[in-house]
Amino acid sequence: MAETAEEKVEDRERVLDTPMDKEFDWSDDKTPVRDALWDHYMEADGKDTMKTEAKMHPYLDMSNDEVAANAEKLLKN
């Protein structure tokens, strides 16, 4: 049986919607990965929402592995 569009979106965004502490063993932050990335970019962009939105948009087309790798690279201390 083929996946529905909703199931494809749910699978694609699984990492984005997972709390940091559930996705990464190095984190104890309960913030969803999506929000942690947003916060990181907001700080880096001087709280410029438009710049941050532009940097977040590609995450919607990334695989879960790509999201996790990028998040780890940016957020792991």
PDB file of N, CA and C in Angstrom:
ATOM      1  N   MET A   1       0.842  -1.184   0.000  1.00  0.00           N
ATOM      2  CA  MET A   1       0.000   0.000   0.000  1.00  0.00           C
ATOM      3  C   MET A   1       0.888   1.249   0.000  1.00  0.00           C
ATOM      4  N   ALA A   2       0.587   2.179  -0.849  1.00  0.00           N
ATOM      5  CA  ALA A   2       1.388   3.400  -0.978  1.00  0.00           C
ATOM      6  C   ALA A   2       1.157   4.326   0.212  1.00  0.00           C
ATOM      7  N   GLU A   3       2.207   5.065   0.549  1.00  0.00           N
ATOM      8  CA  GLU A   3       2.096   6.057   1.620  1.00  0.00           C
ATOM      9  C   GLU A   3       1.253   7.235   1.158  1.00  0.00           C
ATOM     10  N   THR A   4       0.489   7.768   2.079  1.00  0.00           N
ATOM     11  CA  THR A   4      -0.263   8.983   1.772  1.00  0.00           C
ATOM     12  C   THR A   4       0.673  10.177   1.872  1.00  0.00           C
ATOM     13  N   ALA A   5       0.264  11.300   1.333  1.00  0.00           N
ATOM     14  CA  ALA A   5       1.070  12.520   1.418  1.00  0.00           C
ATOM     15  C   ALA A   5       1.326  12.897   2.866  1.00  0.00           C
ATOM     16  N   GLU A   6       0.301  12.712   3.712  1.00  0.00           N
ATOM     17  CA  GLU A   6       0.456  13.054   5.127  1.00  0.00           C
ATOM     18  C   GLU A   6       1.498  12.162   5.797  1.00  0.00           C
ATOM     19  N   GLU A   7       1.498  10.876   5.451  1.00  0.00           N
ATOM     20  CA  GLU A   7       2.475   9.961   6.038  1.00  0.00           C
ATOM     21  C   GLU A   7       3.887  10.317   5.591  1.00  0.00           C
ATOM     22  N   LYS A   8       4.042  10.724   4.342  1.00  0.00           N
ATOM     23  CA  LYS A   8       5.361  11.132   3.855  1.00  0.00           C
ATOM     24  C   LYS A   8       5.854  12.357   4.607  1.00  0.00           C
ATOM     25  N   VAL A   9       4.977  13.319   4.832  1.00  0.00           N
ATOM     26  CA  VAL A   9       5.352  14.520   5.580  1.00  0.00           C
ATOM     27  C   VAL A   9       5.692  14.147   7.011  1.00  0.00           C
ATOM     28  N   GLU A  10       4.873  13.316   7.629  1.00  0.00           N
ATOM     29  CA  GLU A  10       5.133  12.905   9.015  1.00  0.00           C
ATOM     30  C   GLU A  10       6.473  12.214   9.135  1.00  0.00           C
ATOM     31  N   ASP A  11       6.799  11.319   8.203  1.00  0.00           N
ATOM     32  CA  ASP A  11       8.068  10.614   8.263  1.00  0.00           C
ATOM     33  C   ASP A  11       9.223  11.572   8.021  1.00  0.00           C
ATOM     34  N   ARG A  12       9.077  12.467   7.046  1.00  0.00           N
ATOM     35  CA  ARG A  12      10.137  13.403   6.703  1.00  0.00           C
ATOM     36  C   ARG A  12      10.433  14.348   7.857  1.00  0.00           C
ATOM     37  N   GLU A  13       9.439  14.721   8.611  1.00  0.00           N
ATOM     38  CA  GLU A  13       9.621  15.698   9.677  1.00  0.00           C
ATOM     39  C   GLU A  13       9.783  15.073  11.061  1.00  0.00           C
ATOM     40  N   ARG A  14       9.949  13.788  11.112  1.00  0.00           N
ATOM     41  CA  ARG A  14      10.058  13.124  12.400  1.00  0.00           C
ATOM     42  C   ARG A  14      11.176  13.708  13.256  1.00  0.00           C
ATOM     43  N   VAL A  15      12.365  13.879  12.711  1.00  0.00           N
ATOM     44  CA  VAL A  15      13.483  14.408  13.492  1.00  0.00           C
ATOM     45  C   VAL A  15      13.199  15.850  13.915  1.00  0.00           C
ATOM     46  N   LEU A  16      12.638  16.642  13.021  1.00  0.00           N
ATOM     47  CA  LEU A  16      12.350  18.037  13.359  1.00  0.00           C
ATOM     48  C   LEU A  16      11.420  18.158  14.562  1.00  0.00           C
ATOM     49  N   ASP A  17      10.518  17.235  14.708  1.00  0.00           N
ATOM     50  CA  ASP A  17       9.515  17.315  15.767  1.00  0.00           C
ATOM     51  C   ASP A  17       9.876  16.526  17.020  1.00  0.00           C
ATOM     52  N   THR A  18      11.013  15.873  17.028  1.00  0.00           N
ATOM     53  CA  THR A  18      11.453  15.078  18.168  1.00  0.00           C
ATOM     54  C   THR A  18      12.200  15.965  19.167  1.00  0.00           C
ATOM     55  N   PRO A  19      11.949  15.791  20.456  1.00  0.00           N
ATOM     56  CA  PRO A  19      12.720  16.551  21.448  1.00  0.00           C
ATOM     57  C   PRO A  19      14.219  16.248  21.317  1.00  0.00           C
ATOM     58  N   MET A  20      15.027  17.243  21.545  1.00  0.00           N
ATOM     59  CA  MET A  20      16.480  17.096  21.424  1.00  0.00           C
ATOM     60  C   MET A  20      16.997  15.913  22.244  1.00  0.00           C
ATOM     61  N   ASP A  21      16.514  15.780  23.477  1.00  0.00           N
ATOM     62  CA  ASP A  21      17.029  14.716  24.346  1.00  0.00           C
ATOM     63  C   ASP A  21      16.616  13.320  23.889  1.00  0.00           C
ATOM     64  N   LYS A  22      15.594  13.215  23.079  1.00  0.00           N
ATOM     65  CA  LYS A  22      15.172  11.910  22.547  1.00  0.00           C
ATOM     66  C   LYS A  22      15.930  11.570  21.268  1.00  0.00           C
ATOM     67  N   GLU A  23      16.347  12.591  20.534  1.00  0.00           N
ATOM     68  CA  GLU A  23      17.035  12.384  19.255  1.00  0.00           C
ATOM     69  C   GLU A  23      18.540  12.224  19.418  1.00  0.00           C
ATOM     70  N   PHE A  24      19.117  12.949  20.390  1.00  0.00           N
ATOM     71  CA  PHE A  24      20.571  12.959  20.561  1.00  0.00           C
ATOM     72  C   PHE A  24      20.945  12.566  21.983  1.00  0.00           C
ATOM     73  N   ASP A  25      21.838  11.598  22.106  1.00  0.00           N
ATOM     74  CA  ASP A  25      22.245  11.150  23.438  1.00  0.00           C
ATOM     75  C   ASP A  25      23.107  12.188  24.150  1.00  0.00           C
ATOM     76  N   TRP A  26      23.622  13.175  23.428  1.00  0.00           N
ATOM     77  CA  TRP A  26      24.464  14.212  24.019  1.00  0.00           C
ATOM     78  C   TRP A  26      23.667  15.398  24.555  1.00  0.00           C
ATOM     79  N   SER A  27      22.344  15.390  24.360  1.00  0.00           N
ATOM     80  CA  SER A  27      21.530  16.528  24.781  1.00  0.00           C
ATOM     81  C   SER A  27      20.572  16.143  25.904  1.00  0.00           C
ATOM     82  N   ASP A  28      20.349  17.079  26.823  1.00  0.00           N
ATOM     83  CA  ASP A  28      19.324  16.879  27.841  1.00  0.00           C
ATOM     84  C   ASP A  28      18.202  17.913  27.686  1.00  0.00           C
ATOM     85  N   ASP A  29      18.223  18.626  26.552  1.00  0.00           N
ATOM     86  CA  ASP A  29      17.230  19.658  26.227  1.00  0.00           C
ATOM     87  C   ASP A  29      15.947  19.000  25.706  1.00  0.00           C
ATOM     88  N   LYS A  30      14.818  19.392  26.245  1.00  0.00           N
ATOM     89  CA  LYS A  30      13.536  18.822  25.835  1.00  0.00           C
ATOM     90  C   LYS A  30      12.888  19.598  24.680  1.00  0.00           C
ATOM     91  N   THR A  31      13.568  20.634  24.204  1.00  0.00           N
ATOM     92  CA  THR A  31      13.085  21.430  23.079  1.00  0.00           C
ATOM     93  C   THR A  31      13.076  20.581  21.814  1.00  0.00           C
ATOM     94  N   PRO A  32      12.029  20.682  20.993  1.00  0.00           N
ATOM     95  CA  PRO A  32      12.048  19.968  19.707  1.00  0.00           C
ATOM     96  C   PRO A  32      13.220  20.455  18.843  1.00  0.00           C
ATOM     97  N   VAL A  33      13.752  19.562  18.033  1.00  0.00           N
ATOM     98  CA  VAL A  33      14.885  19.891  17.169  1.00  0.00           C
ATOM     99  C   VAL A  33      14.567  21.125  16.324  1.00  0.00           C
ATOM    100  N   ARG A  34      13.358  21.190  15.774  1.00  0.00           N
ATOM    101  CA  ARG A  34      12.947  22.332  14.947  1.00  0.00           C
ATOM    102  C   ARG A  34      13.126  23.654  15.711  1.00  0.00           C
ATOM    103  N   ASP A  35      12.679  23.688  16.952  1.00  0.00           N
ATOM    104  CA  ASP A  35      12.768  24.915  17.751  1.00  0.00           C
ATOM    105  C   ASP A  35      14.209  25.231  18.140  1.00  0.00           C
ATOM    106  N   ALA A  36      14.995  24.202  18.417  1.00  0.00           N
ATOM    107  CA  ALA A  36      16.401  24.419  18.768  1.00  0.00           C
ATOM    108  C   ALA A  36      17.153  25.008  17.574  1.00  0.00           C
ATOM    109  N   LEU A  37      16.870  24.499  16.372  1.00  0.00           N
ATOM    110  CA  LEU A  37      17.490  25.055  15.172  1.00  0.00           C
ATOM    111  C   LEU A  37      17.038  26.497  14.955  1.00  0.00           C
ATOM    112  N   TRP A  38      15.750  26.735  15.109  1.00  0.00           N
ATOM    113  CA  TRP A  38      15.211  28.092  14.945  1.00  0.00           C
ATOM    114  C   TRP A  38      15.905  29.055  15.902  1.00  0.00           C
ATOM    115  N   ASP A  39      15.998  28.662  17.173  1.00  0.00           N
ATOM    116  CA  ASP A  39      16.639  29.513  18.171  1.00  0.00           C
ATOM    117  C   ASP A  39      18.102  29.789  17.807  1.00  0.00           C
ATOM    118  N   HIS A  40      18.790  28.758  17.342  1.00  0.00           N
ATOM    119  CA  HIS A  40      20.194  28.915  16.943  1.00  0.00           C
ATOM    120  C   HIS A  40      20.317  29.944  15.821  1.00  0.00           C
ATOM    121  N   TYR A  41      19.510  29.792  14.782  1.00  0.00           N
ATOM    122  CA  TYR A  41      19.578  30.723  13.653  1.00  0.00           C
ATOM    123  C   TYR A  41      19.118  32.122  14.042  1.00  0.00           C
ATOM    124  N   MET A  42      18.119  32.235  14.895  1.00  0.00           N
ATOM    125  CA  MET A  42      17.673  33.569  15.332  1.00  0.00           C
ATOM    126  C   MET A  42      18.815  34.312  16.024  1.00  0.00           C
ATOM    127  N   GLU A  43      19.531  33.633  16.885  1.00  0.00           N
ATOM    128  CA  GLU A  43      20.665  34.254  17.582  1.00  0.00           C
ATOM    129  C   GLU A  43      21.757  34.627  16.582  1.00  0.00           C
ATOM    130  N   ALA A  44      22.058  33.718  15.658  1.00  0.00           N
ATOM    131  CA  ALA A  44      23.119  33.954  14.681  1.00  0.00           C
ATOM    132  C   ALA A  44      22.761  35.086  13.724  1.00  0.00           C
ATOM    133  N   ASP A  45      21.477  35.269  13.460  1.00  0.00           N
ATOM    134  CA  ASP A  45      21.019  36.278  12.498  1.00  0.00           C
ATOM    135  C   ASP A  45      20.581  37.578  13.161  1.00  0.00           C
ATOM    136  N   GLY A  46      20.928  37.761  14.413  1.00  0.00           N
ATOM    137  CA  GLY A  46      20.555  38.992  15.098  1.00  0.00           C
ATOM    138  C   GLY A  46      19.052  39.158  15.227  1.00  0.00           C
ATOM    139  N   LYS A  47      18.364  38.046  15.415  1.00  0.00           N
ATOM    140  CA  LYS A  47      16.901  38.012  15.599  1.00  0.00           C
ATOM    141  C   LYS A  47      16.144  38.527  14.374  1.00  0.00           C
ATOM    142  N   ASP A  48      16.711  38.271  13.186  1.00  0.00           N
ATOM    143  CA  ASP A  48      16.066  38.631  11.922  1.00  0.00           C
ATOM    144  C   ASP A  48      15.217  37.446  11.459  1.00  0.00           C
ATOM    145  N   THR A  49      13.913  37.560  11.627  1.00  0.00           N
ATOM    146  CA  THR A  49      13.002  36.457  11.323  1.00  0.00           C
ATOM    147  C   THR A  49      13.082  36.033   9.864  1.00  0.00           C
ATOM    148  N   MET A  50      13.198  36.970   8.952  1.00  0.00           N
ATOM    149  CA  MET A  50      13.229  36.631   7.533  1.00  0.00           C
ATOM    150  C   MET A  50      14.478  35.815   7.180  1.00  0.00           C
ATOM    151  N   LYS A  51      15.627  36.199   7.727  1.00  0.00           N
ATOM    152  CA  LYS A  51      16.854  35.439   7.480  1.00  0.00           C
ATOM    153  C   LYS A  51      16.748  34.045   8.087  1.00  0.00           C
ATOM    154  N   THR A  52      16.212  33.972   9.286  1.00  0.00           N
ATOM    155  CA  THR A  52      16.074  32.685   9.958  1.00  0.00           C
ATOM    156  C   THR A  52      15.120  31.775   9.196  1.00  0.00           C
ATOM    157  N   GLU A  53      14.013  32.327   8.745  1.00  0.00           N
ATOM    158  CA  GLU A  53      13.050  31.536   7.980  1.00  0.00           C
ATOM    159  C   GLU A  53      13.701  30.983   6.718  1.00  0.00           C
ATOM    160  N   ALA A  54      14.499  31.786   6.051  1.00  0.00           N
ATOM    161  CA  ALA A  54      15.178  31.337   4.835  1.00  0.00           C
ATOM    162  C   ALA A  54      16.149  30.196   5.130  1.00  0.00           C
ATOM    163  N   LYS A  55      16.802  30.245   6.277  1.00  0.00           N
ATOM    164  CA  LYS A  55      17.737  29.172   6.645  1.00  0.00           C
ATOM    165  C   LYS A  55      17.013  27.917   7.095  1.00  0.00           C
ATOM    166  N   MET A  56      15.820  28.054   7.639  1.00  0.00           N
ATOM    167  CA  MET A  56      15.052  26.894   8.100  1.00  0.00           C
ATOM    168  C   MET A  56      14.326  26.178   6.957  1.00  0.00           C
ATOM    169  N   HIS A  57      13.979  26.901   5.927  1.00  0.00           N
ATOM    170  CA  HIS A  57      13.191  26.325   4.836  1.00  0.00           C
ATOM    171  C   HIS A  57      13.803  25.046   4.234  1.00  0.00           C
ATOM    172  N   PRO A  58      15.109  24.984   3.983  1.00  0.00           N
ATOM    173  CA  PRO A  58      15.682  23.760   3.408  1.00  0.00           C
ATOM    174  C   PRO A  58      15.473  22.508   4.272  1.00  0.00           C
ATOM    175  N   TYR A  59      15.301  22.684   5.568  1.00  0.00           N
ATOM    176  CA  TYR A  59      15.103  21.528   6.441  1.00  0.00           C
ATOM    177  C   TYR A  59      13.832  20.763   6.094  1.00  0.00           C
ATOM    178  N   LEU A  60      12.876  21.434   5.496  1.00  0.00           N
ATOM    179  CA  LEU A  60      11.625  20.771   5.129  1.00  0.00           C
ATOM    180  C   LEU A  60      11.819  19.771   4.004  1.00  0.00           C
ATOM    181  N   ASP A  61      12.877  19.917   3.222  1.00  0.00           N
ATOM    182  CA  ASP A  61      13.153  18.999   2.119  1.00  0.00           C
ATOM    183  C   ASP A  61      14.253  18.001   2.431  1.00  0.00           C
ATOM    184  N   MET A  62      14.845  18.093   3.608  1.00  0.00           N
ATOM    185  CA  MET A  62      15.927  17.180   3.993  1.00  0.00           C
ATOM    186  C   MET A  62      15.372  15.861   4.516  1.00  0.00           C
ATOM    187  N   SER A  63      16.172  14.823   4.374  1.00  0.00           N
ATOM    188  CA  SER A  63      15.829  13.541   4.993  1.00  0.00           C
ATOM    189  C   SER A  63      16.066  13.654   6.496  1.00  0.00           C
ATOM    190  N   ASN A  64      15.541  12.697   7.239  1.00  0.00           N
ATOM    191  CA  ASN A  64      15.764  12.687   8.690  1.00  0.00           C
ATOM    192  C   ASN A  64      17.254  12.637   9.021  1.00  0.00           C
ATOM    193  N   ASP A  65      18.010  11.848   8.256  1.00  0.00           N
ATOM    194  CA  ASP A  65      19.452  11.744   8.498  1.00  0.00           C
ATOM    195  C   ASP A  65      20.152  13.077   8.259  1.00  0.00           C
ATOM    196  N   GLU A  66      19.744  13.796   7.216  1.00  0.00           N
ATOM    197  CA  GLU A  66      20.337  15.097   6.929  1.00  0.00           C
ATOM    198  C   GLU A  66      20.008  16.109   8.020  1.00  0.00           C
ATOM    199  N   VAL A  67      18.761  16.101   8.475  1.00  0.00           N
ATOM    200  CA  VAL A  67      18.356  17.008   9.551  1.00  0.00           C
ATOM    201  C   VAL A  67      19.184  16.721  10.799  1.00  0.00           C
ATOM    202  N   ALA A  68      19.285  15.447  11.159  1.00  0.00           N
ATOM    203  CA  ALA A  68      20.032  15.079  12.362  1.00  0.00           C
ATOM    204  C   ALA A  68      21.499  15.473  12.247  1.00  0.00           C
ATOM    205  N   ALA A  69      22.106  15.243  11.092  1.00  0.00           N
ATOM    206  CA  ALA A  69      23.522  15.578  10.905  1.00  0.00           C
ATOM    207  C   ALA A  69      23.730  17.083  10.989  1.00  0.00           C
ATOM    208  N   ASN A  70      22.872  17.856  10.361  1.00  0.00           N
ATOM    209  CA  ASN A  70      23.000  19.314  10.417  1.00  0.00           C
ATOM    210  C   ASN A  70      22.758  19.838  11.824  1.00  0.00           C
ATOM    211  N   ALA A  71      21.754  19.309  12.495  1.00  0.00           N
ATOM    212  CA  ALA A  71      21.463  19.747  13.858  1.00  0.00           C
ATOM    213  C   ALA A  71      22.635  19.426  14.782  1.00  0.00           C
ATOM    214  N   GLU A  72      23.199  18.242  14.632  1.00  0.00           N
ATOM    215  CA  GLU A  72      24.332  17.871  15.483  1.00  0.00           C
ATOM    216  C   GLU A  72      25.513  18.800  15.229  1.00  0.00           C
ATOM    217  N   LYS A  73      25.779  19.083  13.960  1.00  0.00           N
ATOM    218  CA  LYS A  73      26.895  19.961  13.610  1.00  0.00           C
ATOM    219  C   LYS A  73      26.719  21.358  14.202  1.00  0.00           C
ATOM    220  N   LEU A  74      25.483  21.865  14.187  1.00  0.00           N
ATOM    221  CA  LEU A  74      25.227  23.219  14.652  1.00  0.00           C
ATOM    222  C   LEU A  74      25.024  23.328  16.164  1.00  0.00           C
ATOM    223  N   LEU A  75      24.433  22.314  16.771  1.00  0.00           N
ATOM    224  CA  LEU A  75      23.963  22.452  18.147  1.00  0.00           C
ATOM    225  C   LEU A  75      24.762  21.714  19.203  1.00  0.00           C
ATOM    226  N   LYS A  76      25.570  20.739  18.783  1.00  0.00           N
ATOM    227  CA  LYS A  76      26.326  19.966  19.780  1.00  0.00           C
ATOM    228  C   LYS A  76      27.432  20.828  20.345  1.00  0.00           C
ATOM    229  N   ASN A  77      27.500  20.898  21.648  1.00  0.00           N
ATOM    230  CA  ASN A  77      28.519  21.747  22.307  1.00  0.00           C
ATOM    231  C   ASN A  77      29.812  21.031  22.442  1.00  0.00           C
TER     232      ASN A  77
END
